[in-house]
Amino acid sequence: DADLAAEHEVMASPTILFFQNGKEVNRTRG
């Protein structure tokens, strides 16, 4: 799902996104 990763600007694995009410509210990398 490279398109989904690109849509959410994920440039490295692992990247963790936190969503609440349909919006990204936080992220961590590595």
PDB file of all heavy atoms in Angstrom:
ATOM      1  N   ASP A   1       0.837  -1.201   0.000  1.00  0.00           N
ATOM      2  CA  ASP A   1       0.000   0.000   0.000  1.00  0.00           C
ATOM      3  C   ASP A   1       0.873   1.252   0.000  1.00  0.00           C
ATOM      4  O   ASP A   1       0.742   2.126   0.857  1.00  0.00           O
ATOM      5  CB  ASP A   1      -0.947  -0.025   1.203  1.00  0.00           C
ATOM      6  CG  ASP A   1      -2.033  -1.066   1.027  1.00  0.00           C
ATOM      7  OD1 ASP A   1      -2.882  -0.891   0.128  1.00  0.00           O
ATOM      8  OD2 ASP A   1      -2.022  -2.065   1.765  1.00  0.00           O
ATOM      9  N   ALA A   2       1.749   1.319  -0.990  1.00  0.00           N
ATOM     10  CA  ALA A   2       2.679   2.448  -1.107  1.00  0.00           C
ATOM     11  C   ALA A   2       1.934   3.768  -1.306  1.00  0.00           C
ATOM     12  O   ALA A   2       2.364   4.805  -0.792  1.00  0.00           O
ATOM     13  CB  ALA A   2       3.657   2.213  -2.254  1.00  0.00           C
ATOM     14  N   ASP A   3       0.812   3.738  -2.024  1.00  0.00           N
ATOM     15  CA  ASP A   3       0.033   4.970  -2.235  1.00  0.00           C
ATOM     16  C   ASP A   3      -0.517   5.496  -0.920  1.00  0.00           C
ATOM     17  O   ASP A   3      -0.523   6.699  -0.683  1.00  0.00           O
ATOM     18  CB  ASP A   3      -1.115   4.735  -3.224  1.00  0.00           C
ATOM     19  CG  ASP A   3      -0.628   4.495  -4.645  1.00  0.00           C
ATOM     20  OD1 ASP A   3       0.552   4.819  -4.929  1.00  0.00           O
ATOM     21  OD2 ASP A   3      -1.408   3.975  -5.457  1.00  0.00           O
ATOM     22  N   LEU A   4      -0.969   4.608  -0.065  1.00  0.00           N
ATOM     23  CA  LEU A   4      -1.494   4.999   1.242  1.00  0.00           C
ATOM     24  C   LEU A   4      -0.375   5.582   2.110  1.00  0.00           C
ATOM     25  O   LEU A   4      -0.562   6.602   2.783  1.00  0.00           O
ATOM     26  CB  LEU A   4      -2.139   3.786   1.926  1.00  0.00           C
ATOM     27  CG  LEU A   4      -2.916   4.025   3.204  1.00  0.00           C
ATOM     28  CD1 LEU A   4      -4.018   5.050   3.010  1.00  0.00           C
ATOM     29  CD2 LEU A   4      -3.505   2.716   3.702  1.00  0.00           C
ATOM     30  N   ALA A   5       0.794   4.963   2.064  1.00  0.00           N
ATOM     31  CA  ALA A   5       1.945   5.490   2.799  1.00  0.00           C
ATOM     32  C   ALA A   5       2.318   6.880   2.283  1.00  0.00           C
ATOM     33  O   ALA A   5       2.559   7.806   3.077  1.00  0.00           O
ATOM     34  CB  ALA A   5       3.129   4.536   2.682  1.00  0.00           C
ATOM     35  N   ALA A   6       2.327   7.048   0.986  1.00  0.00           N
ATOM     36  CA  ALA A   6       2.660   8.348   0.398  1.00  0.00           C
ATOM     37  C   ALA A   6       1.616   9.398   0.761  1.00  0.00           C
ATOM     38  O   ALA A   6       1.958  10.543   1.078  1.00  0.00           O
ATOM     39  CB  ALA A   6       2.779   8.223  -1.122  1.00  0.00           C
ATOM     40  N   GLU A   7       0.360   9.007   0.747  1.00  0.00           N
ATOM     41  CA  GLU A   7      -0.734   9.924   1.092  1.00  0.00           C
ATOM     42  C   GLU A   7      -0.570  10.468   2.516  1.00  0.00           C
ATOM     43  O   GLU A   7      -0.906  11.617   2.794  1.00  0.00           O
ATOM     44  CB  GLU A   7      -2.058   9.163   0.961  1.00  0.00           C
ATOM     45  CG  GLU A   7      -3.295   9.957   1.269  1.00  0.00           C
ATOM     46  CD  GLU A   7      -4.549   9.096   1.129  1.00  0.00           C
ATOM     47  OE1 GLU A   7      -4.587   8.203   0.268  1.00  0.00           O
ATOM     48  OE2 GLU A   7      -5.504   9.337   1.900  1.00  0.00           O
ATOM     49  N   HIS A   8      -0.027   9.644   3.399  1.00  0.00           N
ATOM     50  CA  HIS A   8       0.165  10.058   4.795  1.00  0.00           C
ATOM     51  C   HIS A   8       1.606  10.467   5.096  1.00  0.00           C
ATOM     52  O   HIS A   8       1.994  10.563   6.260  1.00  0.00           O
ATOM     53  CB  HIS A   8      -0.316   8.942   5.738  1.00  0.00           C
ATOM     54  CG  HIS A   8      -1.797   8.773   5.677  1.00  0.00           C
ATOM     55  ND1 HIS A   8      -2.669   9.605   6.352  1.00  0.00           N
ATOM     56  CD2 HIS A   8      -2.566   7.906   4.986  1.00  0.00           C
ATOM     57  CE1 HIS A   8      -3.903   9.227   6.089  1.00  0.00           C
ATOM     58  NE2 HIS A   8      -3.867   8.204   5.264  1.00  0.00           N
ATOM     59  N   GLU A   9       2.371  10.677   4.020  1.00  0.00           N
ATOM     60  CA  GLU A   9       3.746  11.171   4.125  1.00  0.00           C
ATOM     61  C   GLU A   9       4.625  10.297   5.014  1.00  0.00           C
ATOM     62  O   GLU A   9       5.425  10.789   5.803  1.00  0.00           O
ATOM     63  CB  GLU A   9       3.756  12.633   4.576  1.00  0.00           C
ATOM     64  CG  GLU A   9       3.030  13.537   3.611  1.00  0.00           C
ATOM     65  CD  GLU A   9       2.947  14.988   4.061  1.00  0.00           C
ATOM     66  OE1 GLU A   9       3.407  15.326   5.161  1.00  0.00           O
ATOM     67  OE2 GLU A   9       2.402  15.786   3.286  1.00  0.00           O
ATOM     68  N   VAL A  10       4.459   9.004   4.872  1.00  0.00           N
ATOM     69  CA  VAL A  10       5.291   8.043   5.592  1.00  0.00           C
ATOM     70  C   VAL A  10       6.531   7.790   4.750  1.00  0.00           C
ATOM     71  O   VAL A  10       6.440   7.321   3.623  1.00  0.00           O
ATOM     72  CB  VAL A  10       4.522   6.722   5.846  1.00  0.00           C
ATOM     73  CG1 VAL A  10       5.436   5.664   6.423  1.00  0.00           C
ATOM     74  CG2 VAL A  10       3.345   6.992   6.770  1.00  0.00           C
ATOM     75  N   MET A  11       7.689   8.130   5.309  1.00  0.00           N
ATOM     76  CA  MET A  11       8.943   8.022   4.562  1.00  0.00           C
ATOM     77  C   MET A  11       9.831   6.879   5.045  1.00  0.00           C
ATOM     78  O   MET A  11      10.813   6.557   4.388  1.00  0.00           O
ATOM     79  CB  MET A  11       9.730   9.331   4.681  1.00  0.00           C
ATOM     80  CG  MET A  11       8.987  10.546   4.217  1.00  0.00           C
ATOM     81  SD  MET A  11       8.652  10.405   2.453  1.00  0.00           S
ATOM     82  CE  MET A  11       7.615  11.811   2.204  1.00  0.00           C
ATOM     83  N   ALA A  12       9.532   6.300   6.210  1.00  0.00           N
ATOM     84  CA  ALA A  12      10.375   5.241   6.765  1.00  0.00           C
ATOM     85  C   ALA A  12       9.521   4.260   7.548  1.00  0.00           C
ATOM     86  O   ALA A  12       8.451   4.602   8.035  1.00  0.00           O
ATOM     87  CB  ALA A  12      11.429   5.860   7.676  1.00  0.00           C
ATOM     88  N   SER A  13      10.040   3.046   7.651  1.00  0.00           N
ATOM     89  CA  SER A  13       9.374   2.022   8.454  1.00  0.00           C
ATOM     90  C   SER A  13      10.249   1.731   9.663  1.00  0.00           C
ATOM     91  O   SER A  13      11.461   1.668   9.533  1.00  0.00           O
ATOM     92  CB  SER A  13       9.211   0.737   7.657  1.00  0.00           C
ATOM     93  OG  SER A  13       8.382   0.942   6.548  1.00  0.00           O
ATOM     94  N   PRO A  14       9.652   1.546  10.815  1.00  0.00           N
ATOM     95  CA  PRO A  14       8.228   1.741  11.116  1.00  0.00           C
ATOM     96  C   PRO A  14       7.898   3.204  11.403  1.00  0.00           C
ATOM     97  O   PRO A  14       8.717   3.934  11.946  1.00  0.00           O
ATOM     98  CB  PRO A  14       8.034   0.906  12.386  1.00  0.00           C
ATOM     99  CG  PRO A  14       9.365   0.975  13.079  1.00  0.00           C
ATOM    100  CD  PRO A  14      10.395   1.046  11.980  1.00  0.00           C
ATOM    101  N   THR A  15       6.726   3.592  10.988  1.00  0.00           N
ATOM    102  CA  THR A  15       6.151   4.881  11.365  1.00  0.00           C
ATOM    103  C   THR A  15       4.784   4.576  11.958  1.00  0.00           C
ATOM    104  O   THR A  15       4.016   3.807  11.380  1.00  0.00           O
ATOM    105  CB  THR A  15       6.004   5.821  10.155  1.00  0.00           C
ATOM    106  OG1 THR A  15       7.309   6.133   9.652  1.00  0.00           O
ATOM    107  CG2 THR A  15       5.289   7.114  10.534  1.00  0.00           C
ATOM    108  N   ILE A  16       4.503   5.160  13.112  1.00  0.00           N
ATOM    109  CA  ILE A  16       3.210   4.950  13.763  1.00  0.00           C
ATOM    110  C   ILE A  16       2.445   6.256  13.757  1.00  0.00           C
ATOM    111  O   ILE A  16       2.943   7.286  14.224  1.00  0.00           O
ATOM    112  CB  ILE A  16       3.388   4.450  15.208  1.00  0.00           C
ATOM    113  CG1 ILE A  16       4.099   3.095  15.199  1.00  0.00           C
ATOM    114  CG2 ILE A  16       2.035   4.343  15.902  1.00  0.00           C
ATOM    115  CD1 ILE A  16       4.421   2.566  16.570  1.00  0.00           C
ATOM    116  N   LEU A  17       1.242   6.204  13.199  1.00  0.00           N
ATOM    117  CA  LEU A  17       0.349   7.356  13.198  1.00  0.00           C
ATOM    118  C   LEU A  17      -0.775   7.078  14.183  1.00  0.00           C
ATOM    119  O   LEU A  17      -1.264   5.952  14.279  1.00  0.00           O
ATOM    120  CB  LEU A  17      -0.245   7.597  11.810  1.00  0.00           C
ATOM    121  CG  LEU A  17       0.726   7.731  10.639  1.00  0.00           C
ATOM    122  CD1 LEU A  17      -0.037   8.059   9.366  1.00  0.00           C
ATOM    123  CD2 LEU A  17       1.777   8.766  10.912  1.00  0.00           C
ATOM    124  N   PHE A  18      -1.177   8.106  14.878  1.00  0.00           N
ATOM    125  CA  PHE A  18      -2.294   8.016  15.821  1.00  0.00           C
ATOM    126  C   PHE A  18      -3.438   8.844  15.269  1.00  0.00           C
ATOM    127  O   PHE A  18      -3.249  10.029  14.955  1.00  0.00           O
ATOM    128  CB  PHE A  18      -1.883   8.548  17.199  1.00  0.00           C
ATOM    129  CG  PHE A  18      -0.810   7.740  17.854  1.00  0.00           C
ATOM    130  CD1 PHE A  18       0.528   7.963  17.578  1.00  0.00           C
ATOM    131  CD2 PHE A  18      -1.137   6.735  18.755  1.00  0.00           C
ATOM    132  CE1 PHE A  18       1.519   7.215  18.183  1.00  0.00           C
ATOM    133  CE2 PHE A  18      -0.152   5.982  19.366  1.00  0.00           C
ATOM    134  CZ  PHE A  18       1.182   6.222  19.077  1.00  0.00           C
ATOM    135  N   PHE A  19      -4.600   8.232  15.127  1.00  0.00           N
ATOM    136  CA  PHE A  19      -5.775   8.909  14.601  1.00  0.00           C
ATOM    137  C   PHE A  19      -6.852   8.984  15.672  1.00  0.00           C
ATOM    138  O   PHE A  19      -7.054   8.039  16.434  1.00  0.00           O
ATOM    139  CB  PHE A  19      -6.341   8.149  13.391  1.00  0.00           C
ATOM    140  CG  PHE A  19      -5.522   8.300  12.152  1.00  0.00           C
ATOM    141  CD1 PHE A  19      -4.430   7.484  11.923  1.00  0.00           C
ATOM    142  CD2 PHE A  19      -5.835   9.266  11.213  1.00  0.00           C
ATOM    143  CE1 PHE A  19      -3.659   7.614  10.784  1.00  0.00           C
ATOM    144  CE2 PHE A  19      -5.080   9.408  10.062  1.00  0.00           C
ATOM    145  CZ  PHE A  19      -3.984   8.576   9.849  1.00  0.00           C
ATOM    146  N   GLN A  20      -7.536  10.111  15.690  1.00  0.00           N
ATOM    147  CA  GLN A  20      -8.697  10.287  16.555  1.00  0.00           C
ATOM    148  C   GLN A  20      -9.709  11.108  15.787  1.00  0.00           C
ATOM    149  O   GLN A  20      -9.370  12.148  15.218  1.00  0.00           O
ATOM    150  CB  GLN A  20      -8.295  10.977  17.852  1.00  0.00           C
ATOM    151  CG  GLN A  20      -9.397  10.976  18.889  1.00  0.00           C
ATOM    152  CD  GLN A  20      -8.871  11.371  20.258  1.00  0.00           C
ATOM    153  OE1 GLN A  20      -8.006  12.215  20.381  1.00  0.00           O
ATOM    154  NE2 GLN A  20      -9.414  10.747  21.287  1.00  0.00           N
ATOM    155  N   ASN A  21     -10.940  10.613  15.743  1.00  0.00           N
ATOM    156  CA  ASN A  21     -12.015  11.291  15.007  1.00  0.00           C
ATOM    157  C   ASN A  21     -11.630  11.557  13.558  1.00  0.00           C
ATOM    158  O   ASN A  21     -11.927  12.607  12.998  1.00  0.00           O
ATOM    159  CB  ASN A  21     -12.408  12.596  15.702  1.00  0.00           C
ATOM    160  CG  ASN A  21     -12.880  12.363  17.115  1.00  0.00           C
ATOM    161  OD1 ASN A  21     -13.608  11.408  17.389  1.00  0.00           O
ATOM    162  ND2 ASN A  21     -12.463  13.218  18.031  1.00  0.00           N
ATOM    163  N   GLY A  22     -10.943  10.586  12.948  1.00  0.00           N
ATOM    164  CA  GLY A  22     -10.605  10.680  11.532  1.00  0.00           C
ATOM    165  C   GLY A  22      -9.421  11.567  11.193  1.00  0.00           C
ATOM    166  O   GLY A  22      -9.098  11.746  10.031  1.00  0.00           O
ATOM    167  N   LYS A  23      -8.753  12.098  12.194  1.00  0.00           N
ATOM    168  CA  LYS A  23      -7.620  13.005  11.959  1.00  0.00           C
ATOM    169  C   LYS A  23      -6.362  12.454  12.622  1.00  0.00           C
ATOM    170  O   LYS A  23      -6.417  11.921  13.719  1.00  0.00           O
ATOM    171  CB  LYS A  23      -7.907  14.382  12.565  1.00  0.00           C
ATOM    172  CG  LYS A  23      -9.196  15.027  12.087  1.00  0.00           C
ATOM    173  CD  LYS A  23      -8.908  15.956  10.939  1.00  0.00           C
ATOM    174  CE  LYS A  23     -10.110  16.796  10.594  1.00  0.00           C
ATOM    175  NZ  LYS A  23     -10.908  16.286   9.529  1.00  0.00           N
ATOM    176  N   GLU A  24      -5.232  12.666  11.945  1.00  0.00           N
ATOM    177  CA  GLU A  24      -3.955  12.306  12.555  1.00  0.00           C
ATOM    178  C   GLU A  24      -3.664  13.299  13.668  1.00  0.00           C
ATOM    179  O   GLU A  24      -3.702  14.506  13.456  1.00  0.00           O
ATOM    180  CB  GLU A  24      -2.827  12.340  11.525  1.00  0.00           C
ATOM    181  CG  GLU A  24      -1.487  11.967  12.121  1.00  0.00           C
ATOM    182  CD  GLU A  24      -0.321  12.126  11.168  1.00  0.00           C
ATOM    183  OE1 GLU A  24      -0.506  12.044   9.942  1.00  0.00           O
ATOM    184  OE2 GLU A  24       0.789  12.347  11.666  1.00  0.00           O
ATOM    185  N   VAL A  25      -3.372  12.772  14.861  1.00  0.00           N
ATOM    186  CA  VAL A  25      -3.118  13.644  16.007  1.00  0.00           C
ATOM    187  C   VAL A  25      -1.693  13.515  16.551  1.00  0.00           C
ATOM    188  O   VAL A  25      -1.269  14.341  17.363  1.00  0.00           O
ATOM    189  CB  VAL A  25      -4.137  13.408  17.146  1.00  0.00           C
ATOM    190  CG1 VAL A  25      -5.535  13.824  16.696  1.00  0.00           C
ATOM    191  CG2 VAL A  25      -4.134  11.962  17.616  1.00  0.00           C
ATOM    192  N   ASN A  26      -0.969  12.476  16.099  1.00  0.00           N
ATOM    193  CA  ASN A  26       0.402  12.299  16.568  1.00  0.00           C
ATOM    194  C   ASN A  26       1.077  11.283  15.665  1.00  0.00           C
ATOM    195  O   ASN A  26       0.405  10.524  14.952  1.00  0.00           O
ATOM    196  CB  ASN A  26       0.418  11.814  18.021  1.00  0.00           C
ATOM    197  CG  ASN A  26       1.680  12.201  18.760  1.00  0.00           C
ATOM    198  OD1 ASN A  26       2.760  12.286  18.180  1.00  0.00           O
ATOM    199  ND2 ASN A  26       1.541  12.437  20.053  1.00  0.00           N
ATOM    200  N   ARG A  27       2.424  11.249  15.704  1.00  0.00           N
ATOM    201  CA  ARG A  27       3.168  10.228  14.965  1.00  0.00           C
ATOM    202  C   ARG A  27       4.529  10.018  15.597  1.00  0.00           C
ATOM    203  O   ARG A  27       5.076  10.915  16.217  1.00  0.00           O
ATOM    204  CB  ARG A  27       3.274  10.543  13.481  1.00  0.00           C
ATOM    205  CG  ARG A  27       4.315  11.527  13.053  1.00  0.00           C
ATOM    206  CD  ARG A  27       4.552  11.596  11.544  1.00  0.00           C
ATOM    207  NE  ARG A  27       3.357  11.681  10.744  1.00  0.00           N
ATOM    208  CZ  ARG A  27       3.294  11.328   9.454  1.00  0.00           C
ATOM    209  NH1 ARG A  27       4.359  10.901   8.821  1.00  0.00           N
ATOM    210  NH2 ARG A  27       2.169  11.421   8.793  1.00  0.00           N
ATOM    211  N   THR A  28       5.039   8.802  15.428  1.00  0.00           N
ATOM    212  CA  THR A  28       6.397   8.477  15.851  1.00  0.00           C
ATOM    213  C   THR A  28       7.070   7.755  14.698  1.00  0.00           C
ATOM    214  O   THR A  28       6.397   7.164  13.850  1.00  0.00           O
ATOM    215  CB  THR A  28       6.439   7.571  17.099  1.00  0.00           C
ATOM    216  OG1 THR A  28       5.874   6.306  16.778  1.00  0.00           O
ATOM    217  CG2 THR A  28       5.698   8.186  18.270  1.00  0.00           C
ATOM    218  N   ARG A  29       8.379   7.808  14.689  1.00  0.00           N
ATOM    219  CA  ARG A  29       9.146   7.098  13.657  1.00  0.00           C
ATOM    220  C   ARG A  29      10.203   6.234  14.331  1.00  0.00           C
ATOM    221  O   ARG A  29      10.769   6.622  15.345  1.00  0.00           O
ATOM    222  CB  ARG A  29       9.839   8.107  12.737  1.00  0.00           C
ATOM    223  CG  ARG A  29       8.889   8.861  11.856  1.00  0.00           C
ATOM    224  CD  ARG A  29       9.636   9.900  11.024  1.00  0.00           C
ATOM    225  NE  ARG A  29       8.709  10.742  10.284  1.00  0.00           N
ATOM    226  CZ  ARG A  29       8.139  11.835  10.769  1.00  0.00           C
ATOM    227  NH1 ARG A  29       8.415  12.233  11.983  1.00  0.00           N
ATOM    228  NH2 ARG A  29       7.307  12.542  10.044  1.00  0.00           N
ATOM    229  N   GLY A  30      10.444   5.076  13.738  1.00  0.00           N
ATOM    230  CA  GLY A  30      11.487   4.199  14.247  1.00  0.00           C
ATOM    231  C   GLY A  30      10.998   3.355  15.412  1.00  0.00           C
ATOM    232  O   GLY A  30       9.833   3.389  15.788  1.00  0.00           O
TER     233      GLY A  30
END
